[in-house]
Amino acid sequence: MMNIPFNAFSMVAVTALGFALVTLLIGYKHNKQLRIKLDQQQNSLQTLAADVSAMCSGAVNLGEHLAHLEQRWQHLGRRQDQLEMSNTGPQNFRHAKKMMHKGAELEEVMADCGIARGEAELVALAGRIKKAS
């Protein structure tokens, strides 16, 4: 068997090797902890991405709904303006009442007095109620 002298150089080499081994083990443990944190962050990122996607989808649907409501609101505003412009005065209803009393048809009263069907029907109903009482 060969006898290897144990000198200062060997002592330094063994110490360096031990230090390298300890450093390698610490690095391995730290690397493992970093991989665990990375996996957790990737899971969190995927969850957040899904949440953002859902919020974007909801925002698009909300935007479409708001656009629809705005169109409806504008339509109602135009309709209200039309109704205000075609406001039938009391003289039209008096004339409609007289025509109904004389036996005129609904269409004739509507055309002659410029009132809607519902209004003409209301005038006819009021006349019938007055006759009944």
Protein backbone atom coordinates (compact mmCIF):
# COMPACT_ATOMS: atom_id res chain seq x y z
CA MET A 1 0.00 0.00 0.00
CA MET A 2 1.13 3.38 -0.81
CA ASN A 3 1.72 5.82 1.89
CA ILE A 4 0.48 9.32 0.99
CA PRO A 5 2.00 12.03 3.05
CA PHE A 6 -0.54 14.30 4.72
CA ASN A 7 0.85 17.73 4.42
CA ALA A 8 -0.51 21.25 4.45
CA PHE A 9 -1.44 21.12 0.77
CA SER A 10 -3.57 18.05 1.37
CA MET A 11 -5.21 19.71 4.32
CA VAL A 12 -6.09 22.75 2.22
CA ALA A 13 -7.41 20.53 -0.58
CA VAL A 14 -9.61 18.51 1.79
CA THR A 15 -10.91 21.70 3.41
CA ALA A 16 -11.62 23.25 0.01
CA LEU A 17 -13.37 20.10 -1.11
CA GLY A 18 -15.47 20.06 2.07
CA PHE A 19 -16.31 23.75 1.64
CA ALA A 20 -17.28 23.13 -2.00
CA LEU A 21 -19.50 20.23 -0.97
CA VAL A 22 -21.26 22.30 1.71
CA THR A 23 -21.67 25.18 -0.74
CA LEU A 24 -23.07 22.79 -3.33
CA LEU A 25 -25.60 21.39 -0.84
CA ILE A 26 -26.68 24.88 0.26
CA GLY A 27 -27.01 25.92 -3.42
CA TYR A 28 -29.06 22.81 -4.18
CA LYS A 29 -31.40 23.52 -1.24
CA HIS A 30 -31.73 27.17 -2.25
CA ASN A 31 -32.41 26.15 -5.88
CA LYS A 32 -35.16 23.79 -4.71
CA GLN A 33 -36.79 26.58 -2.65
CA LEU A 34 -36.64 28.94 -5.64
CA ARG A 35 -38.29 26.33 -7.89
CA ILE A 36 -41.13 25.94 -5.37
CA LYS A 37 -41.62 29.72 -5.28
CA LEU A 38 -41.53 29.86 -9.08
CA ASP A 39 -44.22 27.19 -9.33
CA GLN A 40 -46.39 29.09 -6.83
CA GLN A 41 -45.94 32.34 -8.75
CA GLN A 42 -46.78 30.64 -12.06
CA ASN A 43 -49.98 29.27 -10.51
CA SER A 44 -50.85 32.73 -9.19
CA LEU A 45 -50.12 34.25 -12.59
CA GLN A 46 -52.43 31.74 -14.31
CA THR A 47 -55.19 32.51 -11.81
CA LEU A 48 -54.78 36.24 -12.32
CA ALA A 49 -54.77 35.82 -16.11
CA ALA A 50 -58.05 33.90 -15.91
CA ASP A 51 -59.54 36.62 -13.69
CA VAL A 52 -58.45 39.38 -16.08
CA SER A 53 -59.89 37.44 -19.01
CA ALA A 54 -63.22 37.06 -17.21
CA MET A 55 -63.26 40.76 -16.34
CA CYS A 56 -62.53 41.73 -19.94
CA SER A 57 -65.32 39.50 -21.17
CA GLY A 58 -67.70 41.04 -18.64
CA ALA A 59 -66.62 44.54 -19.66
CA VAL A 60 -67.34 43.77 -23.31
CA ASN A 61 -70.80 42.47 -22.45
CA LEU A 62 -71.45 45.50 -20.26
CA GLY A 63 -70.33 47.81 -23.06
CA GLU A 64 -72.70 46.15 -25.51
CA HIS A 65 -75.53 46.39 -23.01
CA LEU A 66 -74.81 50.09 -22.42
CA ALA A 67 -74.74 50.74 -26.17
CA HIS A 68 -78.12 49.02 -26.50
CA LEU A 69 -79.55 51.09 -23.64
CA GLU A 70 -78.20 54.29 -25.18
CA GLN A 71 -79.87 53.46 -28.50
CA ARG A 72 -83.12 52.74 -26.69
CA TRP A 73 -82.84 56.00 -24.74
CA GLN A 74 -82.26 57.97 -27.94
CA HIS A 75 -85.23 56.26 -29.59
CA LEU A 76 -87.46 57.11 -26.62
CA GLY A 77 -86.24 60.70 -26.70
CA ARG A 78 -87.10 60.99 -30.40
CA ARG A 79 -90.48 59.38 -29.78
CA GLN A 80 -91.20 61.79 -26.95
CA ASP A 81 -90.28 64.72 -29.20
CA GLN A 82 -92.66 63.39 -31.86
CA LEU A 83 -95.44 63.05 -29.34
CA GLU A 84 -94.88 66.56 -28.02
CA MET A 85 -94.91 67.95 -31.56
CA SER A 86 -98.10 66.14 -32.45
CA ASN A 87 -99.79 67.06 -29.20
CA THR A 88 -103.46 66.95 -29.92
CA GLY A 89 -105.31 69.83 -28.38
CA PRO A 90 -108.63 69.64 -26.55
CA GLN A 91 -110.44 70.90 -29.65
CA ASN A 92 -109.44 67.72 -31.48
CA PHE A 93 -111.02 65.59 -28.76
CA ARG A 94 -114.17 67.71 -28.73
CA HIS A 95 -114.43 67.31 -32.48
CA ALA A 96 -113.81 63.54 -32.13
CA LYS A 97 -116.53 63.35 -29.48
CA LYS A 98 -119.00 65.09 -31.80
CA MET A 99 -118.09 62.81 -34.70
CA MET A 100 -118.52 59.70 -32.52
CA HIS A 101 -121.86 61.02 -31.30
CA LYS A 102 -122.95 61.32 -34.93
CA GLY A 103 -121.88 57.70 -35.56
CA ALA A 104 -118.53 58.13 -37.34
CA GLU A 105 -116.16 55.15 -37.57
CA LEU A 106 -112.89 55.03 -35.60
CA GLU A 107 -110.69 55.30 -38.70
CA GLU A 108 -112.60 58.36 -39.91
CA VAL A 109 -112.29 60.05 -36.51
CA MET A 110 -108.58 59.21 -36.33
CA ALA A 111 -107.90 60.64 -39.78
CA ASP A 112 -110.08 63.71 -39.36
CA CYS A 113 -108.95 64.68 -35.85
CA GLY A 114 -105.32 63.54 -36.05
CA ILE A 115 -105.53 61.30 -32.99
CA ALA A 116 -104.19 57.80 -32.38
CA ARG A 117 -106.36 54.68 -32.36
CA GLY A 118 -106.11 54.36 -28.57
CA GLU A 119 -107.25 57.94 -28.15
CA ALA A 120 -110.17 57.44 -30.54
CA GLU A 121 -111.16 54.27 -28.69
CA LEU A 122 -110.99 56.15 -25.40
CA VAL A 123 -113.28 58.89 -26.76
CA ALA A 124 -115.74 56.20 -27.99
CA LEU A 125 -115.64 54.43 -24.60
CA ALA A 126 -116.24 57.68 -22.75
CA GLY A 127 -119.24 58.37 -24.98
CA ARG A 128 -120.70 54.91 -24.30
CA ILE A 129 -120.19 55.31 -20.57
CA LYS A 130 -121.90 58.72 -20.62
CA LYS A 131 -124.88 57.26 -22.53
CA ALA A 132 -125.15 54.38 -20.07
CA SER A 133 -125.28 56.61 -16.99
